[in-house]
Structure formats: C-alpha cells, structure tokens
Amino acid sequence: MKHQKINLMVFLPAVLLFCTCILLAFLDNAAFVSLTGTLYAWILDEFGWLFLLTALVVFLVCIGLYFSPFGKIVIGGKEAKPMMSVWNWFSITLCTTVASGIVFWGAAEPVQHILNPPVSSGIEALSSEASLFAMAAVFRHWTVLPYGLYTILAVVFAFVYYNMRQPFSLGSVIAPLIPEKGRSGVSKAVDFICVFALVTGLAASLASGVLSINGGLSKLMGVDSNVMVWGIIILVIGGMTVIAAVTGITRGIKYLSNINVAMYIVILGFILLFGGTVFIFSFGIESIGQFIATFFSGTLFTGTAEGDPWAKNWTMFYLGNWMAWAPVTAVFLGRISYGRRVKDVIAMNLFVTALFSIVWFMIISGATVNQLMNNPDSGLIDAYNAGYENVIYQLFKNLPLSQIFIPLYLVAVLISFVTAADSTTMAIAGICSKGIAPDSPEPPTYLIAVWGVIVAVVTWIMMSVGEGITGIKMLSNIGGLPAMFLIILVVISAIIISIHPERYNLVDKNNTIDEKHKTN
C-alpha cells in the first residue's frame, strides 16, 4: 500500500481561488453576482452553440464506441474482476449523477415550460402542444445528453487509469494527445480547474437542497426559514456526506445509494398509482415519441434566428452546468468501472441511467401535467409563482397520504444530495492527493473531511449574505467552458484509442508478454 499525501499544486490553487471568490462575494455581493452573471451570459452568447453541438457529438460517439472493437476491452485487463454487484454498481452510479436534481425538477420544470414556452415556437401557454414540448425538453435536459458527458469521461478515465496505467488525474484523459514530458503540468492545471468548478457547484447544489428541505419543514411543522435553520440542515447533510465518504464505497456510499434507490422506487410507485395511472402511461408514451421526433432539432435549437433567449436560459444553461460537474464526477464513475467491459460501462452510465431518468420524469412530470391541465383547483400555478421548490409539495398535497409522502420526499432530497456529494467529495480528495493507485485507491481521510467542511461552511456563509449563492452558482457554471474544451479533447482521445485499442491497452499487452516468458 502506498502512502498518500496531499498534492499541494492542485489543492492550494483551488482553495485559494475559492476563498478569494467567497471574500469578493462577502465584501460586495451585488458586484460579484453582476460580474459572474455578465461573464456567464457572454459565455452563452459566444459558446452556447458549441455546448449544444458538443453534447450531441458526445452522445453519438458513445454509441459508436459501444459497437466498436474498443467496447470489448475489459477495464483493468482480461483478468480484472468487478468491484461490486451489478445492482450496487447501478445504484451508486445513478445516485452519484442525479443528486437531488431529478427530485426537485421532476415537478417544477414541466410547469415552467408549459406556462412559458419559447416565444419563437408559437406555442400557446397551457396548451396540449405546450405540455408535449415541456416533456420533450425535460427529457433532453435530463437523459442521454448529460449522461453522455459523464459516460465519455468515465470510459476514457477508466481506460487510461487502469489499462494505460496513467496517474489518478483528470489530465490523464488526454494522455494520448500529449507528449509524456508535458503531461504532469497539464494534469495539474486540468485538475485544479475542474476541482474548483465542482466544489462551487456542490456549494450551490447544497444551498438549493437546504432551501428545499427547509420549505418542506415549513409546510409540515411551520419551521422558519432563517440562518440558524439553514446551519442545522447544512450540518446534518455535511456530516452525513463526510461519514459516508470516509467509510468508503463498499460501506457508507453503497448502503446510502441502495436506500436512496429504494426510496425513488417507492415514490414512483405511489405517484404512478395515485397520480393518474392511465394518463401517465398514455401521455408518457406520446411524450417519448415527441422527444425522439424532435431530438436533433430540439438539441441544436439556439433561438438565434428569432432572438429567442429560451435555449440560453435552459438547454445551454443546463449543459454548462452538467459539463462543469462531469469531469470530477466521472473520475469516481471510472474508478468503480474496474472489471467491466467498456461497452458495459457505456450501457450502465448512459443507457440504464438515462432509462431510469425517463421513467422518473414520465411519472413525476406526467402526474404534474395531469393535475395542471385537468384540475383547475390543483394550486400548482400558485405554488409555481411562490417558487420552484413549492411545486413538488403541492403535487403531493393533491394526492392521498401526503402527510406520509412529503416527509419521505424530504428524506429522499437529503439522501439524494448526500449520495452525490459523498462520491464526488471522495473523487475531489483523490485528485488532490499523491500516491493514489489501483492497489491503494482511497484518499486520506482528513482530506475528505477538509473538503466536506469547506463546502458546508462556504454554503452557510454565502446563504447568510443574501443572494450570495447566485454568484457561486454562476461561478460553477462558468467552469463549464474549460470543461467543454476538455470534453472535446477527451472525445478525440477516445476516437484515437478506439482505432487501435491494442496499442494503448498496456495491461493486457504486458500480461501477454509475461505469459510468453513463462511458456519459454
């Protein structure tokens, strides 16, 4: 076992830049929010089209890799055995990627799009066309496009780390493109940028989760929304995250992920049963058809022709956020892919998880649309006007047994964030460490705790200064720009590797040489 030490060349720049941004926000939050918002708006204006094109190309490349000879390569070599069962692999993969997003947006996003369809589409609000458009948009935002980003990075990282024997670094994913002498410096720069983007994203996501949980507690028990309550919720979530990450993949992360998936299934079953079963299935199938029929045109819609900002506000915004999160998250996904064929990694990270997401939104969003369109007294519009986080609670309130399922939903939100944060916190700690290797994969416990504390403290501070978390969220999304260029390079790496996989598969090549020596 190797002794891991902190990699100061990655850790210090990320922490210092992080603290500098927090200080700027604390001193003049309005200016900070304005600056980050202006910068991100410029990024979408100049590169939004490339976000869309990159996501589409990545998805198509993943399909190509699945059917290529490269798909038959085993991560870690022919003798490698999987780290866990298929079920545990699925539950950990799903929970690592969805966070609390699908729980929160499953009800809120379709209402948003039904009430506010793109002006350029000519679709009337609250019409049947608006409902189909909303579902197709939701499927685009939450299924194969974002999961394609995770998948391409996870596959390439797993292969270069386990089969090419490259360092545990995000920079390793472009090893086929860079001479060996220049890899170290590039790797440190890539690691620093991606860690910074994800940590800011975790803080923004934690803040959203805190507000959602606080909103539920307010409806159930009249709990006020204030700094003290936020601090308590952050303390609980942060503590659970660190404990789960410290106990490792085979214990804390695995058990929480299994519990989380079980809760997802219970929530889905309940809403399917009481939310209008026939409507959900009928409307869901029609929505999937609309999603498929408009997949390419919807994915590449920029709104430029008619000056419509809808795509920038939603699809481009989402993809920028996904791209900021994907690199570090994919490090964890690649790590747990040991012993699986490349095509199985693609199937799990792209097809299976996207299928679950389709089912989730078909049921949750379908029930929401059913109430919104067919029940004038649903109260969903009033809930929407009061804030996105209120829509899901109103959905449950309109169903039987709401006093049971609203608390269940709150627990699901809590665990959903923890199961995403624990794996990414572990990945961040690993990237900021030296000595990580297949035979010594765990980062130092203290470093996991340090990152957990940093995210928790910063979230509480930024929430305390008003709209401070808005600037941090913009800062995270800005990280999507360099991440996008990294992803483009990863696609090129993947294509190069797939053309001659035997040339790069050092593990099996060395094993073959060893066998020949033994025979001789």
Protein backbone atom coordinates (compact mmCIF):
# COMPACT_ATOMS: atom_id res chain seq x y z
CA MET A 1 0.00 0.00 0.00
CA LYS A 2 1.28 3.41 -0.92
CA HIS A 3 1.16 6.33 1.45
CA GLN A 4 -0.99 9.15 0.08
CA LYS A 5 -0.03 12.75 0.61
CA ILE A 6 -1.77 15.97 -0.29
CA ASN A 7 -0.99 17.34 -3.75
CA LEU A 8 -0.43 20.99 -2.90
CA MET A 9 -0.11 22.00 -6.56
CA VAL A 10 -3.78 21.11 -7.04
CA PHE A 11 -5.18 21.67 -3.55
CA LEU A 12 -3.78 25.12 -2.76
CA PRO A 13 -4.69 26.94 -6.01
CA ALA A 14 -8.25 25.58 -5.85
CA VAL A 15 -8.72 26.55 -2.20
CA LEU A 16 -7.10 29.98 -2.61
CA LEU A 17 -9.20 30.86 -5.65
CA PHE A 18 -12.28 29.54 -3.90
CA CYS A 19 -11.62 31.65 -0.80
CA THR A 20 -10.86 34.72 -2.92
CA CYS A 21 -14.21 34.43 -4.69
CA ILE A 22 -16.01 33.98 -1.38
CA LEU A 23 -14.28 37.05 0.04
CA LEU A 24 -15.23 39.13 -3.01
CA ALA A 25 -18.83 38.00 -2.71
CA PHE A 26 -18.86 38.78 1.01
CA LEU A 27 -17.41 42.27 0.54
CA ASP A 28 -19.64 43.31 -2.37
CA ASN A 29 -22.13 40.62 -3.22
CA ALA A 30 -24.10 42.69 -5.73
CA ALA A 31 -20.98 43.41 -7.77
CA PHE A 32 -19.89 39.76 -7.54
CA VAL A 33 -23.26 38.48 -8.78
CA SER A 34 -23.28 41.07 -11.56
CA LEU A 35 -19.74 40.18 -12.66
CA THR A 36 -20.27 36.42 -12.71
CA GLY A 37 -23.67 36.78 -14.37
CA THR A 38 -22.26 39.03 -17.08
CA LEU A 39 -19.35 36.67 -17.71
CA TYR A 40 -21.60 33.64 -17.96
CA ALA A 41 -24.00 35.49 -20.28
CA TRP A 42 -21.03 36.26 -22.53
CA ILE A 43 -20.02 32.60 -22.49
CA LEU A 44 -23.51 31.53 -23.58
CA ASP A 45 -23.60 34.22 -26.27
CA GLU A 46 -20.27 33.15 -27.73
CA PHE A 47 -20.11 29.42 -27.00
CA GLY A 48 -23.68 28.32 -26.30
CA TRP A 49 -23.96 26.77 -29.75
CA LEU A 50 -20.81 24.75 -29.04
CA PHE A 51 -22.29 23.45 -25.76
CA LEU A 52 -25.20 22.04 -27.76
CA LEU A 53 -23.07 20.59 -30.56
CA THR A 54 -20.56 19.07 -28.15
CA ALA A 55 -23.25 17.30 -26.13
CA LEU A 56 -24.81 15.84 -29.28
CA VAL A 57 -21.47 14.68 -30.71
CA VAL A 58 -20.51 13.11 -27.38
CA PHE A 59 -23.74 11.12 -27.32
CA LEU A 60 -23.18 9.86 -30.87
CA VAL A 61 -19.54 8.98 -30.15
CA CYS A 62 -20.62 6.97 -27.09
CA ILE A 63 -22.94 4.92 -29.28
CA GLY A 64 -20.12 4.39 -31.77
CA LEU A 65 -17.74 3.25 -29.02
CA TYR A 66 -20.35 0.81 -27.73
CA PHE A 67 -20.42 -1.04 -31.06
CA SER A 68 -16.68 -0.73 -31.81
CA PRO A 69 -14.00 -3.33 -31.00
CA PHE A 70 -12.92 -1.00 -28.19
CA GLY A 71 -16.19 -1.87 -26.47
CA LYS A 72 -14.93 -5.40 -25.82
CA ILE A 73 -11.90 -4.25 -23.82
CA VAL A 74 -12.10 -5.03 -20.10
CA ILE A 75 -11.27 -2.13 -17.78
CA GLY A 76 -8.25 -3.29 -15.77
CA GLY A 77 -7.39 -6.13 -18.14
CA LYS A 78 -8.83 -9.53 -19.00
CA GLU A 79 -8.18 -10.88 -15.50
CA ALA A 80 -9.84 -7.97 -13.69
CA LYS A 81 -12.89 -8.78 -11.59
CA PRO A 82 -15.73 -6.30 -10.91
CA MET A 83 -15.61 -4.41 -7.62
CA MET A 84 -19.30 -4.92 -6.83
CA SER A 85 -22.56 -6.48 -7.97
CA VAL A 86 -24.46 -5.07 -10.94
CA TRP A 87 -27.20 -3.76 -8.62
CA ASN A 88 -24.75 -1.91 -6.38
CA TRP A 89 -22.99 -0.56 -9.44
CA PHE A 90 -26.30 0.73 -10.78
CA SER A 91 -27.43 2.31 -7.52
CA ILE A 92 -24.11 4.05 -6.88
CA THR A 93 -23.84 5.26 -10.48
CA LEU A 94 -27.40 6.59 -10.50
CA CYS A 95 -27.14 8.35 -7.16
CA THR A 96 -23.75 9.85 -8.00
CA THR A 97 -25.10 11.52 -11.13
CA VAL A 98 -28.65 12.66 -10.30
CA ALA A 99 -28.02 14.40 -6.94
CA SER A 100 -31.30 15.98 -5.86
CA GLY A 101 -31.93 17.43 -9.30
CA ILE A 102 -34.47 14.95 -10.63
CA VAL A 103 -36.32 15.02 -7.32
CA PHE A 104 -36.59 18.80 -7.40
CA TRP A 105 -37.16 19.45 -11.11
CA GLY A 106 -39.41 16.48 -11.86
CA ALA A 107 -42.47 18.55 -10.96
CA ALA A 108 -41.20 22.11 -11.36
CA GLU A 109 -39.65 22.10 -14.83
CA PRO A 110 -42.66 20.92 -16.86
CA VAL A 111 -44.83 23.58 -15.19
CA GLN A 112 -42.25 26.21 -16.14
CA HIS A 113 -42.21 25.19 -19.80
CA ILE A 114 -45.98 24.77 -20.08
CA LEU A 115 -46.54 28.26 -18.72
CA ASN A 116 -43.60 29.79 -20.61
CA PRO A 117 -42.89 28.01 -23.91
CA PRO A 118 -40.35 29.60 -26.28
CA VAL A 119 -41.77 32.68 -27.96
CA SER A 120 -40.31 31.61 -31.30
CA SER A 121 -42.20 28.30 -31.21
CA GLY A 122 -45.58 29.97 -31.45
CA ILE A 123 -46.90 27.52 -28.85
CA GLU A 124 -49.67 28.80 -26.61
CA ALA A 125 -49.16 28.53 -22.86
CA LEU A 126 -51.22 25.85 -21.09
CA SER A 127 -51.99 24.13 -24.40
CA SER A 128 -51.58 20.47 -25.29
CA GLU A 129 -48.70 21.47 -27.58
CA ALA A 130 -47.03 23.21 -24.64
CA SER A 131 -47.33 20.08 -22.49
CA LEU A 132 -45.69 17.89 -25.15
CA PHE A 133 -42.97 20.48 -25.74
CA ALA A 134 -42.32 20.63 -21.99
CA MET A 135 -41.88 16.88 -21.68
CA ALA A 136 -39.58 16.66 -24.71
CA ALA A 137 -37.48 19.48 -23.25
CA VAL A 138 -37.30 17.76 -19.86
CA PHE A 139 -36.17 14.50 -21.48
CA ARG A 140 -33.46 16.36 -23.42
CA HIS A 141 -32.21 18.11 -20.30
CA TRP A 142 -32.10 15.05 -18.04
CA THR A 143 -31.42 11.92 -20.08
CA VAL A 144 -28.96 10.95 -22.82
CA LEU A 145 -27.27 14.33 -23.33
CA PRO A 146 -25.98 14.84 -19.77
CA TYR A 147 -25.34 11.14 -19.26
CA GLY A 148 -23.32 11.07 -22.45
CA LEU A 149 -20.98 13.66 -20.92
CA TYR A 150 -20.49 11.54 -17.81
CA THR A 151 -20.03 8.40 -19.89
CA ILE A 152 -17.33 9.56 -22.31
CA LEU A 153 -15.24 10.93 -19.45
CA ALA A 154 -15.77 7.87 -17.24
CA VAL A 155 -14.84 5.43 -20.01
CA VAL A 156 -11.70 7.27 -21.06
CA PHE A 157 -10.56 7.92 -17.48
CA ALA A 158 -11.12 4.27 -16.51
CA PHE A 159 -9.17 3.04 -19.53
CA VAL A 160 -6.19 5.41 -19.19
CA TYR A 161 -6.01 4.87 -15.42
CA TYR A 162 -6.38 1.10 -15.26
CA ASN A 163 -5.24 -0.06 -18.71
CA MET A 164 -2.74 2.63 -19.74
CA ARG A 165 -1.51 2.96 -16.14
CA GLN A 166 -1.68 6.74 -16.13
CA PRO A 167 -1.82 8.76 -12.87
CA PHE A 168 -5.07 9.32 -10.95
CA SER A 169 -5.63 12.70 -12.58
CA LEU A 170 -8.19 14.31 -14.86
CA GLY A 171 -5.34 15.38 -17.10
CA SER A 172 -4.71 11.71 -17.83
CA VAL A 173 -7.82 11.55 -20.03
CA ILE A 174 -5.96 13.41 -22.78
CA ALA A 175 -2.75 11.40 -22.40
CA PRO A 176 -2.94 10.08 -25.99
CA LEU A 177 -2.76 13.68 -27.24
CA ILE A 178 0.14 14.98 -25.12
CA PRO A 179 3.83 14.00 -25.12
CA GLU A 180 4.80 12.26 -21.91
CA LYS A 181 7.12 15.07 -20.80
CA GLY A 182 4.32 17.64 -20.79
CA ARG A 183 1.63 15.58 -19.09
CA SER A 184 2.41 16.47 -15.47
CA GLY A 185 1.91 20.22 -15.83
CA VAL A 186 -1.20 19.84 -17.96
CA SER A 187 -2.68 17.37 -15.49
CA LYS A 188 -2.25 19.72 -12.54
CA ALA A 189 -3.88 22.61 -14.41
CA VAL A 190 -6.83 20.47 -15.52
CA ASP A 191 -7.28 19.05 -12.01
CA PHE A 192 -7.24 22.50 -10.39
CA ILE A 193 -9.82 23.99 -12.78
CA CYS A 194 -12.20 21.02 -12.58
CA VAL A 195 -11.96 20.73 -8.80
CA PHE A 196 -12.71 24.44 -8.42
CA ALA A 197 -15.74 24.21 -10.73
CA LEU A 198 -17.18 21.18 -8.95
CA VAL A 199 -16.66 22.48 -5.42
CA THR A 200 -18.51 25.69 -6.28
CA GLY A 201 -21.20 23.56 -7.87
CA LEU A 202 -21.50 21.44 -4.74
CA ALA A 203 -21.96 24.58 -2.65
CA ALA A 204 -24.70 25.86 -4.96
CA SER A 205 -26.39 22.45 -5.04
CA LEU A 206 -26.23 22.15 -1.27
CA ALA A 207 -27.86 25.57 -0.92
CA SER A 208 -30.71 24.50 -3.22
CA GLY A 209 -31.17 21.31 -1.23
CA VAL A 210 -31.19 23.24 2.05
CA LEU A 211 -33.90 25.60 0.79
CA SER A 212 -35.98 22.68 -0.49
CA ILE A 213 -35.74 20.81 2.82
CA ASN A 214 -36.44 23.99 4.78
CA GLY A 215 -39.51 24.59 2.61
CA GLY A 216 -40.81 21.12 3.39
CA LEU A 217 -40.20 21.50 7.11
CA SER A 218 -42.04 24.81 6.97
CA LYS A 219 -45.09 23.18 5.38
CA LEU A 220 -45.06 20.23 7.77
CA MET A 221 -44.12 21.85 11.06
CA GLY A 222 -44.07 25.60 10.49
CA VAL A 223 -40.28 25.79 10.78
CA ASP A 224 -38.98 29.26 9.89
CA SER A 225 -36.51 29.84 7.08
CA ASN A 226 -33.51 31.55 8.65
CA VAL A 227 -29.75 31.35 9.00
CA MET A 228 -29.91 29.15 12.11
CA VAL A 229 -32.15 26.55 10.48
CA TRP A 230 -30.00 26.56 7.37
CA GLY A 231 -26.93 25.94 9.51
CA ILE A 232 -28.53 22.94 11.20
CA ILE A 233 -29.59 21.41 7.88
CA ILE A 234 -26.13 22.01 6.39
CA LEU A 235 -24.53 20.43 9.47
CA VAL A 236 -26.66 17.30 9.10
CA ILE A 237 -26.06 16.98 5.35
CA GLY A 238 -22.35 17.79 5.63
CA GLY A 239 -21.85 15.33 8.47
CA MET A 240 -23.61 12.52 6.61
CA THR A 241 -21.61 13.27 3.46
CA VAL A 242 -18.24 13.11 5.20
CA ILE A 243 -19.13 9.96 7.15
CA ALA A 244 -20.35 8.18 4.02
CA ALA A 245 -17.27 9.19 2.03
CA VAL A 246 -14.85 8.26 4.81
CA THR A 247 -16.39 4.80 5.26
CA GLY A 248 -15.75 4.12 1.58
CA ILE A 249 -17.52 2.76 -1.47
CA THR A 250 -18.32 -0.69 -0.12
CA ARG A 251 -19.97 0.56 3.06
CA GLY A 252 -21.38 4.07 3.51
CA ILE A 253 -21.74 5.03 -0.16
CA LYS A 254 -23.17 1.65 -1.15
CA TYR A 255 -25.71 1.47 1.67
CA LEU A 256 -26.95 5.04 1.23
CA SER A 257 -27.25 4.56 -2.53
CA ASN A 258 -29.31 1.41 -2.09
CA ILE A 259 -31.60 3.18 0.37
CA ASN A 260 -31.91 6.12 -1.99
CA VAL A 261 -32.88 3.99 -4.99
CA ALA A 262 -35.41 2.11 -2.86
CA MET A 263 -36.98 5.44 -1.87
CA TYR A 264 -37.06 6.53 -5.51
CA ILE A 265 -38.94 3.36 -6.41
CA VAL A 266 -41.45 3.83 -3.57
CA ILE A 267 -42.10 7.44 -4.61
CA LEU A 268 -42.50 6.43 -8.25
CA GLY A 269 -44.89 3.62 -7.37
CA PHE A 270 -47.01 5.88 -5.17
CA ILE A 271 -47.34 8.67 -7.75
CA LEU A 272 -47.98 6.18 -10.56
CA LEU A 273 -50.78 4.61 -8.52
CA PHE A 274 -52.50 7.79 -7.34
CA GLY A 275 -51.40 10.42 -9.89
CA GLY A 276 -53.49 9.18 -12.82
CA THR A 277 -52.05 5.87 -13.99
CA VAL A 278 -53.66 5.75 -17.43
CA PHE A 279 -52.83 9.39 -18.17
CA ILE A 280 -49.23 8.92 -17.06
CA PHE A 281 -48.69 5.94 -19.37
CA SER A 282 -50.60 7.39 -22.34
CA PHE A 283 -49.11 10.87 -22.07
CA GLY A 284 -45.68 9.43 -21.28
CA ILE A 285 -45.55 7.32 -24.43
CA GLU A 286 -46.70 10.29 -26.52
CA SER A 287 -44.05 12.48 -24.87
CA ILE A 288 -41.29 9.98 -25.59
CA GLY A 289 -42.39 9.99 -29.22
CA GLN A 290 -42.20 13.78 -29.27
CA PHE A 291 -38.75 13.62 -27.66
CA ILE A 292 -37.47 11.22 -30.32
CA ALA A 293 -39.10 13.11 -33.21
CA THR A 294 -37.59 16.44 -32.16
CA PHE A 295 -34.32 15.13 -30.70
CA PHE A 296 -31.90 16.67 -33.19
CA SER A 297 -33.79 19.89 -33.88
CA GLY A 298 -34.52 20.40 -30.18
CA THR A 299 -30.95 19.67 -29.13
CA LEU A 300 -29.48 22.11 -31.65
CA PHE A 301 -32.10 24.84 -31.13
CA THR A 302 -30.28 28.09 -30.28
CA GLY A 303 -33.07 30.63 -30.80
CA THR A 304 -30.68 32.80 -32.82
CA ALA A 305 -32.93 33.15 -35.87
CA GLU A 306 -35.67 34.91 -33.90
CA GLY A 307 -33.65 36.23 -30.99
CA ASP A 308 -35.35 33.83 -28.57
CA PRO A 309 -33.41 33.51 -25.26
CA TRP A 310 -35.14 30.27 -24.21
CA ALA A 311 -32.28 27.95 -25.21
CA LYS A 312 -29.73 30.07 -23.35
CA ASN A 313 -31.88 30.13 -20.24
CA TRP A 314 -32.46 26.38 -20.23
CA THR A 315 -30.67 23.93 -22.54
CA MET A 316 -27.37 25.81 -22.77
CA PHE A 317 -27.51 26.69 -19.08
CA TYR A 318 -28.10 23.06 -18.14
CA LEU A 319 -25.32 21.76 -20.38
CA GLY A 320 -22.85 24.28 -18.99
CA ASN A 321 -23.72 23.06 -15.51
CA TRP A 322 -23.50 19.39 -16.50
CA MET A 323 -20.12 19.96 -18.13
CA ALA A 324 -18.76 21.67 -15.02
CA TRP A 325 -19.80 18.68 -12.90
CA ALA A 326 -18.95 15.86 -15.30
CA PRO A 327 -15.12 15.64 -15.18
CA VAL A 328 -14.61 15.11 -11.44
CA THR A 329 -17.77 13.01 -11.10
CA ALA A 330 -16.57 10.83 -13.98
CA VAL A 331 -13.34 10.11 -12.10
CA PHE A 332 -15.40 8.32 -9.47
CA LEU A 333 -17.56 6.59 -12.08
CA GLY A 334 -14.44 5.44 -13.90
CA ARG A 335 -12.88 4.16 -10.72
CA ILE A 336 -15.83 1.86 -9.93
CA SER A 337 -15.87 0.53 -13.53
CA TYR A 338 -12.95 -1.82 -12.82
CA GLY A 339 -13.54 -5.30 -14.21
CA ARG A 340 -16.29 -4.25 -16.63
CA ARG A 341 -16.13 -4.19 -20.41
CA VAL A 342 -16.10 -0.75 -21.99
CA LYS A 343 -19.47 -1.43 -23.62
CA ASP A 344 -20.91 -2.39 -20.22
CA VAL A 345 -19.62 0.87 -18.74
CA ILE A 346 -21.34 2.75 -21.57
CA ALA A 347 -24.53 0.75 -21.10
CA MET A 348 -24.65 1.46 -17.37
CA ASN A 349 -23.62 5.11 -17.39
CA LEU A 350 -25.57 6.13 -20.48
CA PHE A 351 -28.43 3.78 -21.33
CA VAL A 352 -29.53 2.36 -17.97
CA THR A 353 -29.30 5.61 -16.02
CA ALA A 354 -30.98 7.59 -18.82
CA LEU A 355 -33.76 4.99 -18.94
CA PHE A 356 -34.36 5.41 -15.21
CA SER A 357 -34.45 9.17 -15.69
CA ILE A 358 -37.01 8.81 -18.50
CA VAL A 359 -39.21 6.66 -16.26
CA TRP A 360 -38.83 9.13 -13.39
CA PHE A 361 -39.84 12.17 -15.42
CA MET A 362 -42.55 10.27 -17.26
CA ILE A 363 -44.23 9.50 -13.93
CA ILE A 364 -43.45 12.59 -11.81
CA SER A 365 -43.81 15.11 -14.62
CA GLY A 366 -46.75 13.20 -16.09
CA ALA A 367 -48.66 13.38 -12.81
CA THR A 368 -47.85 17.09 -12.56
CA VAL A 369 -49.09 17.77 -16.09
CA ASN A 370 -52.23 15.75 -15.37
CA GLN A 371 -53.06 17.96 -12.39
CA LEU A 372 -52.07 21.19 -14.12
CA MET A 373 -54.06 20.58 -17.31
CA ASN A 374 -57.07 18.70 -15.96
CA ASN A 375 -57.61 20.08 -12.46
CA PRO A 376 -58.26 23.86 -12.27
CA ASP A 377 -58.08 23.67 -8.48
CA SER A 378 -54.69 21.93 -8.35
CA GLY A 379 -52.95 25.02 -6.97
CA LEU A 380 -49.83 24.23 -9.00
CA ILE A 381 -49.70 27.63 -10.67
CA ASP A 382 -49.88 29.39 -7.31
CA ALA A 383 -47.17 27.07 -5.99
CA TYR A 384 -45.03 27.80 -9.05
CA ASN A 385 -45.46 31.55 -8.57
CA ALA A 386 -44.34 31.15 -4.95
CA GLY A 387 -41.11 29.41 -6.03
CA TYR A 388 -39.98 26.31 -7.90
CA GLU A 389 -39.44 24.37 -4.67
CA ASN A 390 -43.14 24.59 -3.81
CA VAL A 391 -44.43 22.72 -6.88
CA ILE A 392 -43.47 19.22 -5.74
CA TYR A 393 -45.07 19.79 -2.33
CA GLN A 394 -48.30 20.92 -3.97
CA LEU A 395 -48.23 17.81 -6.15
CA PHE A 396 -48.02 15.60 -3.06
CA LYS A 397 -50.63 17.71 -1.26
CA ASN A 398 -53.11 16.94 -4.05
CA LEU A 399 -52.56 13.20 -3.60
CA PRO A 400 -53.68 10.94 -0.74
CA LEU A 401 -51.28 10.10 2.10
CA SER A 402 -49.44 13.41 1.65
CA GLN A 403 -48.59 13.52 5.36
CA ILE A 404 -46.56 10.35 4.82
CA PHE A 405 -45.01 11.05 1.45
CA ILE A 406 -43.95 14.66 1.99
CA PRO A 407 -41.65 13.58 4.86
CA LEU A 408 -40.46 10.68 2.68
CA TYR A 409 -39.70 13.15 -0.08
CA LEU A 410 -37.71 15.32 2.35
CA VAL A 411 -35.61 12.34 3.38
CA ALA A 412 -35.13 11.48 -0.31
CA VAL A 413 -33.86 15.02 -1.00
CA LEU A 414 -31.47 14.75 1.94
CA ILE A 415 -30.09 11.35 0.95
CA SER A 416 -30.03 12.28 -2.75
CA PHE A 417 -27.63 15.11 -2.09
CA VAL A 418 -25.52 13.05 0.29
CA THR A 419 -25.17 10.14 -2.15
CA ALA A 420 -24.00 12.50 -4.89
CA ALA A 421 -21.76 14.59 -2.65
CA ASP A 422 -20.01 11.70 -0.88
CA SER A 423 -18.73 10.15 -4.11
CA THR A 424 -17.69 13.48 -5.62
CA THR A 425 -16.04 14.55 -2.36
CA MET A 426 -14.05 11.32 -2.42
CA ALA A 427 -13.07 11.98 -6.04
CA ILE A 428 -12.02 15.57 -5.24
CA ALA A 429 -9.90 14.34 -2.34
CA GLY A 430 -8.34 11.70 -4.58
CA ILE A 431 -7.43 14.23 -7.26
CA CYS A 432 -5.86 16.45 -4.57
CA SER A 433 -3.74 13.54 -3.32
CA LYS A 434 -0.47 11.91 -4.29
CA GLY A 435 0.03 8.15 -4.31
CA ILE A 436 -3.45 7.12 -5.46
CA ALA A 437 -3.16 3.86 -7.41
CA PRO A 438 -5.31 0.79 -8.20
CA ASP A 439 -3.75 -1.06 -5.26
CA SER A 440 -4.12 1.97 -2.96
CA PRO A 441 -7.27 3.78 -4.14
CA GLU A 442 -8.50 5.59 -1.02
CA PRO A 443 -7.57 9.26 -0.47
CA PRO A 444 -6.55 10.45 3.01
CA THR A 445 -9.49 10.59 5.40
CA TYR A 446 -8.57 14.06 6.64
CA LEU A 447 -8.65 15.43 3.08
CA ILE A 448 -12.18 14.11 2.54
CA ALA A 449 -13.21 15.80 5.79
CA VAL A 450 -11.47 19.05 4.82
CA TRP A 451 -13.37 19.32 1.54
CA GLY A 452 -16.63 18.40 3.24
CA VAL A 453 -16.13 21.15 5.82
CA ILE A 454 -15.10 23.70 3.16
CA VAL A 455 -18.26 23.09 1.12
CA ALA A 456 -20.51 23.20 4.19
CA VAL A 457 -19.01 26.37 5.70
CA VAL A 458 -18.93 28.25 2.42
CA THR A 459 -22.53 27.31 1.65
CA TRP A 460 -23.69 28.63 5.02
CA ILE A 461 -21.69 31.86 4.66
CA MET A 462 -22.97 32.52 1.15
CA MET A 463 -26.58 31.81 2.11
CA SER A 464 -26.20 34.18 5.04
CA VAL A 465 -25.26 37.17 2.86
CA GLY A 466 -28.50 37.08 0.87
CA GLU A 467 -28.27 36.14 -2.80
CA GLY A 468 -24.61 35.22 -2.49
CA ILE A 469 -25.18 31.67 -3.64
CA THR A 470 -26.36 33.03 -7.02
CA GLY A 471 -22.86 34.27 -7.78
CA ILE A 472 -21.32 30.99 -6.68
CA LYS A 473 -23.73 29.10 -8.93
CA MET A 474 -22.73 31.29 -11.87
CA LEU A 475 -19.08 30.71 -10.97
CA SER A 476 -19.64 26.96 -11.13
CA ASN A 477 -21.36 27.21 -14.49
CA ILE A 478 -18.50 29.33 -15.84
CA GLY A 479 -16.36 26.26 -15.18
CA GLY A 480 -18.41 24.55 -17.87
CA LEU A 481 -16.45 26.42 -20.56
CA PRO A 482 -12.98 24.96 -19.87
CA ALA A 483 -14.66 21.64 -19.07
CA MET A 484 -16.27 21.67 -22.52
CA PHE A 485 -12.91 22.06 -24.23
CA LEU A 486 -11.56 19.23 -22.06
CA ILE A 487 -14.50 17.06 -23.15
CA ILE A 488 -13.79 17.83 -26.81
CA LEU A 489 -10.20 16.67 -26.31
CA VAL A 490 -11.47 13.57 -24.50
CA VAL A 491 -13.66 12.73 -27.50
CA ILE A 492 -10.58 12.94 -29.72
CA SER A 493 -8.66 10.74 -27.25
CA ALA A 494 -11.49 8.20 -27.26
CA ILE A 495 -11.53 8.04 -31.06
CA ILE A 496 -7.74 7.62 -31.23
CA ILE A 497 -7.80 4.85 -28.62
CA SER A 498 -10.73 3.07 -30.28
CA ILE A 499 -8.92 2.91 -33.65
CA HIS A 500 -6.01 0.93 -32.18
CA PRO A 501 -7.08 -0.18 -28.67
CA GLU A 502 -4.41 -2.87 -28.52
CA ARG A 503 -1.71 -0.22 -28.84
CA TYR A 504 -2.86 1.55 -25.66
CA ASN A 505 -4.02 -1.45 -23.64
CA LEU A 506 -0.77 -1.89 -21.73
CA VAL A 507 -2.24 -4.18 -19.07
CA ASP A 508 -3.22 -6.96 -21.47
CA LYS A 509 -0.12 -6.36 -23.60
CA ASN A 510 2.18 -6.84 -20.59
CA ASN A 511 0.21 -9.87 -19.44
CA THR A 512 0.69 -11.42 -22.88
CA ILE A 513 4.43 -10.75 -22.72
CA ASP A 514 4.60 -12.31 -19.24
CA GLU A 515 2.75 -15.41 -20.46
CA LYS A 516 5.20 -15.78 -23.38
CA HIS A 517 8.14 -15.58 -20.96
CA LYS A 518 6.54 -18.25 -18.78
CA THR A 519 5.99 -20.50 -21.83
CA ASN A 520 9.59 -20.08 -22.95
